[in-house]
Amino acid sequence: MKKILAVDIGEKRIGLSYNRGTSFASPLKVISSESLKKNVVHIIEVAQQIQAEVIVLGLPLRLNNSAKSEAQKIMAFRELLTKGFPGEVVLFDERLTTKEAEKRLLEADVSRKKRKMVIDQLAATIILQTYIDSTQI
């Protein structure tokens, strides 16, 4: 299986997850969101460090499949990534992943402060696991 880096881009933080070349997603880290170009550079650096062959970007869609306003930013982000990353950059539906991540953290009784710090990372992990599961059909 290819090594994959999943990215959940939030307003303030970016969650990262990877699969180590297996069929299981693992949380990697959370980075602070900066400028578009700095974020692209940082994501490419992380992808190179883990030797990722694919980057999966969470694409925010509404329940009716229409794109949210943030989707345009993600598509622009993808364009910049494809210029600097030699592998494939995939857009993948991230609908409800943050809600699912928050639900899991609440069930685990994680404090509000800690939830803020890890929710994007867990959302990226959910995106990646869903992507892996959908491509193995």
C-alpha atoms as a PDB file:
ATOM      1  CA  MET A   1       0.000   0.000   0.000  1.00  0.00           C
ATOM      2  CA  LYS A   2       1.167   3.525  -0.735  1.00  0.00           C
ATOM      3  CA  LYS A   3       2.236   5.863   2.054  1.00  0.00           C
ATOM      4  CA  ILE A   4      -0.405   8.557   2.440  1.00  0.00           C
ATOM      5  CA  LEU A   5      -0.504  11.869   4.283  1.00  0.00           C
ATOM      6  CA  ALA A   6      -3.985  13.209   5.090  1.00  0.00           C
ATOM      7  CA  VAL A   7      -4.546  16.897   5.732  1.00  0.00           C
ATOM      8  CA  ASP A   8      -7.476  18.572   7.491  1.00  0.00           C
ATOM      9  CA  ILE A   9      -7.161  22.329   7.045  1.00  0.00           C
ATOM     10  CA  GLY A  10      -8.811  24.454   9.686  1.00  0.00           C
ATOM     11  CA  GLU A  11      -8.869  28.201  10.246  1.00  0.00           C
ATOM     12  CA  LYS A  12      -6.184  28.125  12.948  1.00  0.00           C
ATOM     13  CA  ARG A  13      -4.757  24.622  12.835  1.00  0.00           C
ATOM     14  CA  ILE A  14      -3.981  21.912  10.298  1.00  0.00           C
ATOM     15  CA  GLY A  15      -4.386  18.292  11.323  1.00  0.00           C
ATOM     16  CA  LEU A  16      -2.119  15.656   9.819  1.00  0.00           C
ATOM     17  CA  SER A  17      -2.440  11.890   9.734  1.00  0.00           C
ATOM     18  CA  TYR A  18      -0.585   9.140   7.882  1.00  0.00           C
ATOM     19  CA  ASN A  19      -0.782   5.422   7.267  1.00  0.00           C
ATOM     20  CA  ARG A  20       2.858   4.217   7.433  1.00  0.00           C
ATOM     21  CA  GLY A  21       2.175   2.233   4.242  1.00  0.00           C
ATOM     22  CA  THR A  22      -0.492   0.132   5.987  1.00  0.00           C
ATOM     23  CA  SER A  23      -4.277   0.067   5.803  1.00  0.00           C
ATOM     24  CA  PHE A  24      -4.574   1.889   9.156  1.00  0.00           C
ATOM     25  CA  ALA A  25      -4.574   5.666   9.670  1.00  0.00           C
ATOM     26  CA  SER A  26      -2.458   7.058  12.511  1.00  0.00           C
ATOM     27  CA  PRO A  27      -2.519  10.587  13.906  1.00  0.00           C
ATOM     28  CA  LEU A  28       0.665  12.491  13.102  1.00  0.00           C
ATOM     29  CA  LYS A  29       0.488  16.036  14.442  1.00  0.00           C
ATOM     30  CA  VAL A  30      -1.191  19.418  14.393  1.00  0.00           C
ATOM     31  CA  ILE A  31       0.514  22.480  12.960  1.00  0.00           C
ATOM     32  CA  SER A  32      -0.505  26.119  13.205  1.00  0.00           C
ATOM     33  CA  SER A  33      -2.032  27.513  10.054  1.00  0.00           C
ATOM     34  CA  GLU A  34      -0.023  30.381   8.587  1.00  0.00           C
ATOM     35  CA  SER A  35      -0.059  31.867   5.093  1.00  0.00           C
ATOM     36  CA  LEU A  36      -1.129  29.720   2.160  1.00  0.00           C
ATOM     37  CA  LYS A  37       2.410  29.444   0.800  1.00  0.00           C
ATOM     38  CA  LYS A  38       3.948  28.631   4.200  1.00  0.00           C
ATOM     39  CA  ASN A  39       1.313  25.961   4.771  1.00  0.00           C
ATOM     40  CA  VAL A  40       2.073  24.397   1.377  1.00  0.00           C
ATOM     41  CA  VAL A  41       5.814  24.355   2.100  1.00  0.00           C
ATOM     42  CA  HIS A  42       5.265  22.805   5.530  1.00  0.00           C
ATOM     43  CA  ILE A  43       2.913  20.099   4.193  1.00  0.00           C
ATOM     44  CA  ILE A  44       5.392  19.178   1.447  1.00  0.00           C
ATOM     45  CA  GLU A  45       8.199  18.975   4.026  1.00  0.00           C
ATOM     46  CA  VAL A  46       6.132  16.638   6.196  1.00  0.00           C
ATOM     47  CA  ALA A  47       5.192  14.532   3.159  1.00  0.00           C
ATOM     48  CA  GLN A  48       8.865  14.207   2.247  1.00  0.00           C
ATOM     49  CA  GLN A  49       9.829  13.286   5.838  1.00  0.00           C
ATOM     50  CA  ILE A  50       7.346  10.419   5.945  1.00  0.00           C
ATOM     51  CA  GLN A  51       8.033   9.513   2.280  1.00  0.00           C
ATOM     52  CA  ALA A  52       4.370   9.972   1.320  1.00  0.00           C
ATOM     53  CA  GLU A  53       3.370   9.063  -2.193  1.00  0.00           C
ATOM     54  CA  VAL A  54      -0.120  10.547  -1.917  1.00  0.00           C
ATOM     55  CA  ILE A  55      -1.536  13.562  -0.097  1.00  0.00           C
ATOM     56  CA  VAL A  56      -5.250  13.470   0.674  1.00  0.00           C
ATOM     57  CA  LEU A  57      -6.849  16.861   1.321  1.00  0.00           C
ATOM     58  CA  GLY A  58     -10.160  17.055   3.114  1.00  0.00           C
ATOM     59  CA  LEU A  59     -12.675  18.856   0.884  1.00  0.00           C
ATOM     60  CA  PRO A  60     -15.502  20.563   2.788  1.00  0.00           C
ATOM     61  CA  LEU A  61     -18.827  19.773   1.143  1.00  0.00           C
ATOM     62  CA  ARG A  62     -22.389  20.366   2.279  1.00  0.00           C
ATOM     63  CA  LEU A  63     -24.777  17.483   2.859  1.00  0.00           C
ATOM     64  CA  ASN A  64     -26.345  18.151  -0.573  1.00  0.00           C
ATOM     65  CA  ASN A  65     -22.887  17.684  -2.216  1.00  0.00           C
ATOM     66  CA  SER A  66     -22.423  21.375  -2.997  1.00  0.00           C
ATOM     67  CA  ALA A  67     -19.104  22.960  -2.108  1.00  0.00           C
ATOM     68  CA  LYS A  68     -18.765  25.202   0.917  1.00  0.00           C
ATOM     69  CA  SER A  69     -16.979  28.532   0.491  1.00  0.00           C
ATOM     70  CA  GLU A  70     -13.878  27.009   2.112  1.00  0.00           C
ATOM     71  CA  ALA A  71     -13.712  24.489  -0.733  1.00  0.00           C
ATOM     72  CA  GLN A  72     -12.313  27.159  -3.079  1.00  0.00           C
ATOM     73  CA  LYS A  73      -9.413  27.694  -0.662  1.00  0.00           C
ATOM     74  CA  ILE A  74      -8.766  23.958  -0.538  1.00  0.00           C
ATOM     75  CA  MET A  75      -8.761  23.734  -4.344  1.00  0.00           C
ATOM     76  CA  ALA A  76      -6.258  26.616  -4.550  1.00  0.00           C
ATOM     77  CA  PHE A  77      -4.181  24.871  -1.872  1.00  0.00           C
ATOM     78  CA  ARG A  78      -4.251  21.681  -3.960  1.00  0.00           C
ATOM     79  CA  GLU A  79      -3.032  23.538  -7.037  1.00  0.00           C
ATOM     80  CA  LEU A  80      -0.005  24.856  -5.145  1.00  0.00           C
ATOM     81  CA  LEU A  81       0.683  21.435  -3.622  1.00  0.00           C
ATOM     82  CA  THR A  82       0.657  19.720  -7.007  1.00  0.00           C
ATOM     83  CA  LYS A  83       3.359  22.112  -8.229  1.00  0.00           C
ATOM     84  CA  GLY A  84       5.742  21.178  -5.406  1.00  0.00           C
ATOM     85  CA  PHE A  85       4.799  17.585  -4.566  1.00  0.00           C
ATOM     86  CA  PRO A  86       5.845  14.842  -7.001  1.00  0.00           C
ATOM     87  CA  GLY A  87       3.090  12.436  -5.965  1.00  0.00           C
ATOM     88  CA  GLU A  88      -0.664  12.502  -6.307  1.00  0.00           C
ATOM     89  CA  VAL A  89      -2.764  15.102  -4.454  1.00  0.00           C
ATOM     90  CA  VAL A  90      -6.336  13.899  -3.926  1.00  0.00           C
ATOM     91  CA  LEU A  91      -9.387  15.850  -2.778  1.00  0.00           C
ATOM     92  CA  PHE A  92     -11.609  13.745  -0.521  1.00  0.00           C
ATOM     93  CA  ASP A  93     -14.994  14.498   1.020  1.00  0.00           C
ATOM     94  CA  GLU A  94     -14.510  15.512   4.647  1.00  0.00           C
ATOM     95  CA  ARG A  95     -18.178  15.980   5.436  1.00  0.00           C
ATOM     96  CA  LEU A  96     -18.951  15.600   9.128  1.00  0.00           C
ATOM     97  CA  THR A  97     -15.424  14.484  10.059  1.00  0.00           C
ATOM     98  CA  THR A  98     -14.944  17.315  12.549  1.00  0.00           C
ATOM     99  CA  LYS A  99     -18.327  16.509  14.114  1.00  0.00           C
ATOM    100  CA  GLU A 100     -17.322  12.834  14.332  1.00  0.00           C
ATOM    101  CA  ALA A 101     -13.955  13.763  15.838  1.00  0.00           C
ATOM    102  CA  GLU A 102     -15.623  15.992  18.421  1.00  0.00           C
ATOM    103  CA  LYS A 103     -18.102  13.230  19.285  1.00  0.00           C
ATOM    104  CA  ARG A 104     -15.269  10.737  19.845  1.00  0.00           C
ATOM    105  CA  LEU A 105     -13.323  13.184  21.998  1.00  0.00           C
ATOM    106  CA  LEU A 106     -16.402  13.958  24.101  1.00  0.00           C
ATOM    107  CA  GLU A 107     -17.066  10.240  24.560  1.00  0.00           C
ATOM    108  CA  ALA A 108     -13.450   9.865  25.724  1.00  0.00           C
ATOM    109  CA  ASP A 109     -14.048  12.723  28.203  1.00  0.00           C
ATOM    110  CA  VAL A 110     -11.252  14.860  26.745  1.00  0.00           C
ATOM    111  CA  SER A 111     -11.192  18.381  28.172  1.00  0.00           C
ATOM    112  CA  ARG A 112     -12.303  21.321  26.022  1.00  0.00           C
ATOM    113  CA  LYS A 113      -8.759  22.749  25.931  1.00  0.00           C
ATOM    114  CA  LYS A 114      -7.256  19.415  24.822  1.00  0.00           C
ATOM    115  CA  ARG A 115     -10.062  18.890  22.256  1.00  0.00           C
ATOM    116  CA  LYS A 116      -9.158  22.176  20.564  1.00  0.00           C
ATOM    117  CA  MET A 117      -5.583  21.013  20.185  1.00  0.00           C
ATOM    118  CA  VAL A 118      -6.274  17.558  18.725  1.00  0.00           C
ATOM    119  CA  ILE A 119      -9.617  17.771  16.906  1.00  0.00           C
ATOM    120  CA  ASP A 120      -8.050  18.635  13.524  1.00  0.00           C
ATOM    121  CA  GLN A 121      -5.565  15.774  13.891  1.00  0.00           C
ATOM    122  CA  LEU A 122      -8.349  13.317  14.683  1.00  0.00           C
ATOM    123  CA  ALA A 123     -10.426  14.679  11.777  1.00  0.00           C
ATOM    124  CA  ALA A 124      -7.443  14.067   9.462  1.00  0.00           C
ATOM    125  CA  THR A 125      -7.217  10.513  10.799  1.00  0.00           C
ATOM    126  CA  ILE A 126     -10.916   9.941  10.103  1.00  0.00           C
ATOM    127  CA  ILE A 127     -10.507  11.368   6.577  1.00  0.00           C
ATOM    128  CA  LEU A 128      -7.554   9.083   5.911  1.00  0.00           C
ATOM    129  CA  GLN A 129      -9.186   5.947   7.294  1.00  0.00           C
ATOM    130  CA  THR A 130     -12.324   6.625   5.253  1.00  0.00           C
ATOM    131  CA  TYR A 131     -10.180   7.210   2.143  1.00  0.00           C
ATOM    132  CA  ILE A 132      -8.234   3.973   2.715  1.00  0.00           C
ATOM    133  CA  ASP A 133     -11.424   1.989   3.309  1.00  0.00           C
ATOM    134  CA  SER A 134     -13.076   3.420   0.179  1.00  0.00           C
ATOM    135  CA  THR A 135     -10.112   2.663  -2.080  1.00  0.00           C
ATOM    136  CA  GLN A 136      -9.807  -0.967  -0.964  1.00  0.00           C
ATOM    137  CA  ILE A 137     -13.259  -1.964  -2.166  1.00  0.00           C
END
